[in-house]
């Protein structure tokens, strides 16, 4: 079920990238973190809004670059294995693609710490060439 709230920056959600995927873009449902400020994530009238997200992957990156931000397993309930935020795969997505992360039959409403949001911001700056 898609989200019906305006997600804050740092919120971990699930994004369905299969809704319109062209290789080598991200595919399948995967965890993402919202990186745009809440003021940009607002709804558009009665319809869903959109926001900028960075996907997570449990596949280790081939190269060690600053745009791949590592997260240890279980630091967050939403990230149960070693994971990387792939900041070079920044996407603008509709809220209709987003759902809460579910664990043990419950929706998790989990946000990254300000320090981890900043680590992702550094990765984004490297990915778009403004480091």
N, C-alpha and C. Protein backbone atom coordinates (compact mmCIF):
# COMPACT_ATOMS: atom_id res chain seq x y z
N UNK A 1 0.85 -1.18 0.00
CA UNK A 1 0.00 0.00 0.00
C UNK A 1 0.89 1.24 0.00
N UNK A 2 0.73 2.14 -0.98
CA UNK A 2 1.57 3.33 -1.04
C UNK A 2 1.42 4.21 0.20
N UNK A 3 2.43 5.02 0.44
CA UNK A 3 2.36 5.92 1.58
C UNK A 3 1.34 7.02 1.30
N UNK A 4 0.71 7.49 2.36
CA UNK A 4 -0.23 8.60 2.26
C UNK A 4 0.18 9.72 3.19
N UNK A 5 1.48 9.83 3.41
CA UNK A 5 2.01 10.90 4.25
C UNK A 5 3.19 11.51 3.51
N UNK A 6 3.59 12.68 3.93
CA UNK A 6 4.74 13.35 3.34
C UNK A 6 5.97 12.88 4.11
N UNK A 7 6.86 12.13 3.45
CA UNK A 7 7.99 11.58 4.19
C UNK A 7 9.04 12.63 4.52
N UNK A 8 9.61 12.56 5.70
CA UNK A 8 10.68 13.49 6.06
C UNK A 8 12.02 13.03 5.48
N UNK A 9 12.95 13.95 5.41
CA UNK A 9 14.32 13.62 4.99
C UNK A 9 14.90 12.61 5.99
N UNK A 10 15.53 11.57 5.46
CA UNK A 10 16.12 10.55 6.31
C UNK A 10 15.25 9.34 6.55
N UNK A 11 13.98 9.36 6.12
CA UNK A 11 13.07 8.23 6.32
C UNK A 11 13.47 7.06 5.42
N UNK A 12 13.51 5.87 6.00
CA UNK A 12 13.79 4.65 5.24
C UNK A 12 12.45 4.05 4.81
N UNK A 13 12.32 3.81 3.50
CA UNK A 13 11.10 3.26 2.92
C UNK A 13 11.46 2.16 1.92
N UNK A 14 10.45 1.53 1.35
CA UNK A 14 10.62 0.58 0.25
C UNK A 14 10.15 1.28 -1.02
N UNK A 15 10.93 1.16 -2.10
CA UNK A 15 10.55 1.74 -3.38
C UNK A 15 10.46 0.63 -4.42
N UNK A 16 9.38 0.64 -5.20
CA UNK A 16 9.20 -0.32 -6.28
C UNK A 16 9.79 0.26 -7.56
N UNK A 17 11.05 -0.10 -7.84
CA UNK A 17 11.71 0.40 -9.04
C UNK A 17 11.27 -0.34 -10.30
N UNK A 18 10.58 -1.47 -10.16
CA UNK A 18 10.13 -2.22 -11.33
C UNK A 18 8.98 -1.53 -12.07
N UNK A 19 8.37 -0.52 -11.47
CA UNK A 19 7.23 0.13 -12.11
C UNK A 19 7.61 0.77 -13.44
N UNK A 20 8.85 1.15 -13.62
CA UNK A 20 9.33 1.73 -14.88
C UNK A 20 10.84 1.65 -14.88
N UNK A 21 11.36 0.48 -15.14
CA UNK A 21 12.80 0.25 -15.04
C UNK A 21 13.39 -0.01 -16.41
N UNK A 22 14.46 0.69 -16.72
CA UNK A 22 15.22 0.46 -17.94
C UNK A 22 16.66 0.19 -17.52
N UNK A 23 17.19 -1.02 -17.79
CA UNK A 23 18.56 -1.33 -17.39
C UNK A 23 19.54 -0.30 -17.94
N UNK A 24 20.56 0.10 -17.21
CA UNK A 24 21.05 -0.44 -15.95
C UNK A 24 20.50 0.28 -14.72
N UNK A 25 19.32 0.88 -14.82
CA UNK A 25 18.72 1.54 -13.66
C UNK A 25 18.43 0.51 -12.56
N UNK A 26 18.20 1.00 -11.36
CA UNK A 26 17.85 0.12 -10.24
C UNK A 26 16.58 -0.64 -10.60
N UNK A 27 16.51 -1.87 -10.14
CA UNK A 27 15.34 -2.71 -10.38
C UNK A 27 14.88 -3.30 -9.07
N UNK A 28 13.72 -3.88 -9.08
CA UNK A 28 13.03 -4.58 -7.99
C UNK A 28 12.67 -3.65 -6.84
N UNK A 29 11.97 -4.21 -5.88
CA UNK A 29 11.68 -3.44 -4.66
C UNK A 29 12.92 -3.43 -3.80
N UNK A 30 13.26 -2.27 -3.28
CA UNK A 30 14.43 -2.17 -2.41
C UNK A 30 14.27 -1.02 -1.44
N UNK A 31 15.03 -1.08 -0.39
CA UNK A 31 15.00 -0.01 0.60
C UNK A 31 15.67 1.22 0.02
N UNK A 32 15.11 2.37 0.40
CA UNK A 32 15.64 3.66 -0.02
C UNK A 32 15.62 4.59 1.18
N UNK A 33 16.37 5.68 1.07
CA UNK A 33 16.27 6.74 2.07
C UNK A 33 15.88 8.02 1.34
N UNK A 34 14.93 8.75 1.92
CA UNK A 34 14.49 10.03 1.36
C UNK A 34 15.58 11.06 1.66
N UNK A 35 16.04 11.76 0.61
CA UNK A 35 17.10 12.76 0.81
C UNK A 35 16.64 14.19 0.56
N UNK A 36 15.48 14.37 -0.05
CA UNK A 36 14.98 15.73 -0.25
C UNK A 36 14.31 16.21 1.02
N UNK A 37 14.35 17.54 1.27
CA UNK A 37 13.70 18.07 2.47
C UNK A 37 12.18 17.91 2.39
N UNK A 38 11.56 17.78 3.52
CA UNK A 38 10.11 17.56 3.59
C UNK A 38 9.33 18.62 2.81
N UNK A 39 9.83 19.85 2.80
CA UNK A 39 9.13 20.94 2.09
C UNK A 39 9.03 20.66 0.58
N UNK A 40 9.90 19.84 0.02
CA UNK A 40 9.85 19.47 -1.39
C UNK A 40 9.07 18.18 -1.62
N UNK A 41 8.74 17.48 -0.56
CA UNK A 41 8.10 16.17 -0.68
C UNK A 41 6.58 16.25 -0.56
N UNK A 42 6.04 17.43 -0.63
CA UNK A 42 4.60 17.61 -0.40
C UNK A 42 3.77 16.90 -1.46
N UNK A 43 2.51 16.66 -1.12
CA UNK A 43 1.57 16.05 -2.06
C UNK A 43 1.20 17.07 -3.13
N UNK A 44 0.76 16.60 -4.27
CA UNK A 44 0.35 17.47 -5.37
C UNK A 44 -1.17 17.39 -5.49
N UNK A 45 -1.85 18.34 -4.85
CA UNK A 45 -3.31 18.32 -4.83
C UNK A 45 -3.79 17.06 -4.13
N UNK A 46 -4.73 16.34 -4.75
CA UNK A 46 -5.25 15.11 -4.16
C UNK A 46 -4.37 13.91 -4.48
N UNK A 47 -3.43 14.08 -5.41
CA UNK A 47 -2.58 12.97 -5.83
C UNK A 47 -1.32 12.86 -5.00
N UNK A 48 -0.54 11.82 -5.28
CA UNK A 48 0.70 11.63 -4.54
C UNK A 48 1.72 12.70 -4.90
N UNK A 49 2.65 12.92 -4.01
CA UNK A 49 3.75 13.82 -4.28
C UNK A 49 4.93 13.03 -4.83
N UNK A 50 6.08 13.65 -4.80
CA UNK A 50 7.29 12.93 -5.18
C UNK A 50 8.43 13.41 -4.30
N UNK A 51 9.49 12.62 -4.27
CA UNK A 51 10.65 12.98 -3.46
C UNK A 51 11.89 12.37 -4.09
N UNK A 52 13.05 12.83 -3.63
CA UNK A 52 14.32 12.28 -4.08
C UNK A 52 14.74 11.20 -3.11
N UNK A 53 15.15 10.05 -3.66
CA UNK A 53 15.57 8.93 -2.82
C UNK A 53 16.90 8.38 -3.30
N UNK A 54 17.63 7.79 -2.36
CA UNK A 54 18.87 7.06 -2.65
C UNK A 54 18.60 5.61 -2.27
N UNK A 55 18.84 4.67 -3.21
CA UNK A 55 18.58 3.26 -2.91
C UNK A 55 19.71 2.62 -2.10
N UNK A 56 19.33 1.62 -1.33
CA UNK A 56 20.28 0.78 -0.62
C UNK A 56 20.44 -0.53 -1.39
N UNK A 57 21.61 -1.13 -1.27
CA UNK A 57 21.85 -2.44 -1.85
C UNK A 57 22.74 -3.25 -0.93
N UNK A 58 22.47 -4.54 -0.85
CA UNK A 58 23.34 -5.42 -0.08
C UNK A 58 24.50 -5.94 -0.93
N UNK A 59 24.49 -5.63 -2.23
CA UNK A 59 25.59 -6.00 -3.11
C UNK A 59 26.71 -4.98 -2.94
N UNK A 60 27.87 -5.47 -2.54
CA UNK A 60 29.02 -4.58 -2.35
C UNK A 60 29.38 -3.92 -3.68
N UNK A 61 29.70 -2.63 -3.65
CA UNK A 61 30.10 -1.96 -4.89
C UNK A 61 31.41 -2.53 -5.42
N UNK A 62 31.56 -2.51 -6.75
CA UNK A 62 32.77 -3.02 -7.38
C UNK A 62 33.96 -2.13 -7.05
N UNK A 63 33.74 -0.83 -7.05
CA UNK A 63 34.81 0.13 -6.74
C UNK A 63 34.52 0.79 -5.40
N UNK A 64 35.56 1.15 -4.69
CA UNK A 64 35.42 1.87 -3.42
C UNK A 64 35.45 3.37 -3.71
N UNK A 65 34.26 3.96 -3.81
CA UNK A 65 34.14 5.39 -4.11
C UNK A 65 33.33 6.06 -3.01
N UNK A 66 33.53 7.38 -2.82
CA UNK A 66 32.79 8.08 -1.77
C UNK A 66 31.28 8.11 -1.98
N UNK A 67 30.81 7.81 -3.19
CA UNK A 67 29.35 7.83 -3.44
C UNK A 67 28.67 6.57 -2.93
N UNK A 68 29.43 5.58 -2.46
CA UNK A 68 28.87 4.36 -1.89
C UNK A 68 29.06 4.41 -0.38
N UNK A 69 27.98 4.63 0.33
CA UNK A 69 28.05 4.86 1.78
C UNK A 69 27.66 3.57 2.51
N UNK A 70 28.59 3.00 3.29
CA UNK A 70 28.31 1.71 3.94
C UNK A 70 27.51 1.87 5.23
N UNK A 71 26.69 0.84 5.51
CA UNK A 71 25.94 0.74 6.76
C UNK A 71 26.11 -0.68 7.28
N UNK A 72 26.51 -0.81 8.52
CA UNK A 72 26.66 -2.13 9.13
C UNK A 72 25.29 -2.77 9.34
N UNK A 73 25.27 -4.08 9.40
CA UNK A 73 24.03 -4.81 9.64
C UNK A 73 23.45 -4.45 11.00
N UNK A 74 22.13 -4.29 11.03
CA UNK A 74 21.36 -4.09 12.27
C UNK A 74 21.62 -2.79 13.01
N UNK A 75 22.28 -1.83 12.38
CA UNK A 75 22.37 -0.50 13.00
C UNK A 75 20.97 0.12 13.02
N UNK A 76 20.19 -0.21 11.98
CA UNK A 76 18.79 0.18 11.89
C UNK A 76 17.96 -1.09 11.73
N UNK A 77 16.79 -1.11 12.32
CA UNK A 77 15.91 -2.27 12.19
C UNK A 77 15.53 -2.52 10.73
N UNK A 78 15.52 -1.46 9.92
CA UNK A 78 15.17 -1.57 8.50
C UNK A 78 16.30 -2.13 7.64
N UNK A 79 17.51 -2.12 8.17
CA UNK A 79 18.69 -2.58 7.41
C UNK A 79 19.31 -3.75 8.16
N UNK A 80 18.87 -4.95 7.84
CA UNK A 80 19.23 -6.13 8.63
C UNK A 80 20.51 -6.82 8.17
N UNK A 81 21.09 -6.37 7.08
CA UNK A 81 22.37 -6.92 6.64
C UNK A 81 23.28 -5.77 6.21
N UNK A 82 24.56 -6.06 6.03
CA UNK A 82 25.48 -5.02 5.57
C UNK A 82 24.94 -4.45 4.27
N UNK A 83 24.91 -3.14 4.18
CA UNK A 83 24.21 -2.45 3.10
C UNK A 83 25.01 -1.22 2.68
N UNK A 84 24.85 -0.82 1.42
CA UNK A 84 25.46 0.40 0.92
C UNK A 84 24.37 1.29 0.35
N UNK A 85 24.46 2.60 0.64
CA UNK A 85 23.61 3.58 -0.03
C UNK A 85 24.33 3.96 -1.33
N UNK A 86 23.69 3.71 -2.45
CA UNK A 86 24.27 4.00 -3.77
C UNK A 86 23.86 5.41 -4.17
N UNK A 87 24.66 6.40 -3.75
CA UNK A 87 24.31 7.80 -3.98
C UNK A 87 24.37 8.18 -5.45
N UNK A 88 25.05 7.39 -6.27
CA UNK A 88 25.08 7.68 -7.71
C UNK A 88 23.83 7.18 -8.42
N UNK A 89 22.87 6.62 -7.67
CA UNK A 89 21.60 6.17 -8.24
C UNK A 89 20.43 7.00 -7.69
N UNK A 90 20.70 8.26 -7.38
CA UNK A 90 19.68 9.19 -6.91
C UNK A 90 18.50 9.19 -7.88
N UNK A 91 17.28 9.12 -7.35
CA UNK A 91 16.08 9.08 -8.19
C UNK A 91 15.00 9.98 -7.64
N UNK A 92 14.24 10.57 -8.55
CA UNK A 92 13.03 11.29 -8.19
C UNK A 92 11.87 10.33 -8.42
N UNK A 93 11.12 10.02 -7.35
CA UNK A 93 10.06 9.02 -7.45
C UNK A 93 8.75 9.54 -6.87
N UNK A 94 7.67 9.01 -7.40
CA UNK A 94 6.33 9.31 -6.89
C UNK A 94 6.14 8.61 -5.55
N UNK A 95 5.37 9.23 -4.68
CA UNK A 95 4.99 8.58 -3.42
C UNK A 95 4.23 7.28 -3.69
N UNK A 96 3.63 7.16 -4.88
CA UNK A 96 2.88 5.94 -5.22
C UNK A 96 3.79 4.72 -5.32
N UNK A 97 5.10 4.92 -5.51
CA UNK A 97 6.07 3.82 -5.55
C UNK A 97 6.54 3.41 -4.15
N UNK A 98 6.25 4.20 -3.15
CA UNK A 98 6.83 4.03 -1.82
C UNK A 98 5.88 3.38 -0.83
N UNK A 99 6.42 2.47 -0.05
CA UNK A 99 5.67 1.83 1.04
C UNK A 99 6.58 1.78 2.27
N UNK A 100 5.98 1.67 3.45
CA UNK A 100 6.82 1.53 4.65
C UNK A 100 7.54 0.18 4.65
N UNK A 101 8.67 0.14 5.32
CA UNK A 101 9.36 -1.12 5.55
C UNK A 101 8.54 -1.89 6.59
N UNK A 102 8.36 -3.20 6.34
CA UNK A 102 7.60 -4.04 7.28
C UNK A 102 8.55 -5.04 7.93
N UNK A 103 8.39 -5.21 9.22
CA UNK A 103 9.17 -6.21 9.97
C UNK A 103 8.28 -6.78 11.06
N UNK A 104 8.25 -8.09 11.15
CA UNK A 104 7.44 -8.79 12.15
C UNK A 104 5.98 -8.33 12.11
N UNK A 105 5.46 -8.12 10.89
CA UNK A 105 4.07 -7.76 10.72
C UNK A 105 3.72 -6.32 11.02
N UNK A 106 4.72 -5.48 11.26
CA UNK A 106 4.46 -4.07 11.58
C UNK A 106 5.19 -3.16 10.60
N UNK A 107 4.59 -2.00 10.34
CA UNK A 107 5.28 -0.98 9.56
C UNK A 107 6.32 -0.31 10.44
N UNK A 108 7.53 -0.15 9.89
CA UNK A 108 8.58 0.57 10.60
C UNK A 108 8.62 2.00 10.10
N UNK A 109 8.66 2.94 10.99
CA UNK A 109 8.80 4.34 10.62
C UNK A 109 10.12 4.81 11.22
N UNK A 110 11.19 4.54 10.48
CA UNK A 110 12.54 4.73 10.98
C UNK A 110 13.28 5.77 10.14
N UNK A 111 13.97 6.66 10.84
CA UNK A 111 14.75 7.71 10.18
C UNK A 111 16.23 7.52 10.49
N UNK A 112 17.07 7.86 9.51
CA UNK A 112 18.51 7.86 9.76
C UNK A 112 18.85 8.96 10.76
N UNK A 113 19.94 8.77 11.48
CA UNK A 113 20.42 9.82 12.38
C UNK A 113 20.91 11.00 11.54
N UNK A 114 20.96 12.20 12.12
CA UNK A 114 21.51 13.34 11.37
C UNK A 114 22.93 13.07 10.86
N UNK A 115 23.72 12.34 11.62
CA UNK A 115 25.10 12.02 11.18
C UNK A 115 25.09 11.13 9.94
N UNK A 116 24.17 10.17 9.89
CA UNK A 116 24.09 9.30 8.72
C UNK A 116 23.49 10.03 7.52
N UNK A 117 22.56 10.93 7.75
CA UNK A 117 22.04 11.75 6.66
C UNK A 117 23.17 12.59 6.07
N UNK A 118 24.05 13.10 6.91
CA UNK A 118 25.19 13.89 6.44
C UNK A 118 26.17 13.03 5.66
N UNK A 119 26.39 11.78 6.09
CA UNK A 119 27.27 10.88 5.33
C UNK A 119 26.72 10.65 3.92
N UNK A 120 25.40 10.53 3.82
CA UNK A 120 24.78 10.36 2.50
C UNK A 120 24.89 11.66 1.70
N UNK A 121 24.74 12.80 2.35
CA UNK A 121 24.89 14.08 1.66
C UNK A 121 26.29 14.22 1.06
N UNK A 122 27.31 13.78 1.78
CA UNK A 122 28.68 13.80 1.27
C UNK A 122 28.78 12.88 0.04
N UNK A 123 28.19 11.68 0.14
CA UNK A 123 28.18 10.77 -1.00
C UNK A 123 27.47 11.37 -2.21
N UNK A 124 26.37 12.08 -1.98
CA UNK A 124 25.64 12.73 -3.08
C UNK A 124 26.48 13.82 -3.73
N UNK A 125 27.18 14.60 -2.92
CA UNK A 125 28.03 15.65 -3.49
C UNK A 125 29.10 15.04 -4.40
N UNK A 126 29.69 13.93 -4.00
CA UNK A 126 30.67 13.25 -4.85
C UNK A 126 30.00 12.73 -6.12
N UNK A 127 28.81 12.13 -5.99
CA UNK A 127 28.13 11.54 -7.13
C UNK A 127 27.77 12.56 -8.20
N UNK A 128 27.40 13.77 -7.77
CA UNK A 128 27.00 14.78 -8.78
C UNK A 128 28.10 15.79 -9.07
N UNK A 129 29.29 15.55 -8.53
CA UNK A 129 30.45 16.34 -8.90
C UNK A 129 30.58 17.68 -8.24
N UNK A 130 30.05 17.82 -7.02
CA UNK A 130 30.22 19.11 -6.32
C UNK A 130 30.94 18.92 -4.99
N UNK A 131 31.79 17.89 -4.93
CA UNK A 131 32.55 17.61 -3.70
C UNK A 131 33.69 18.58 -3.54
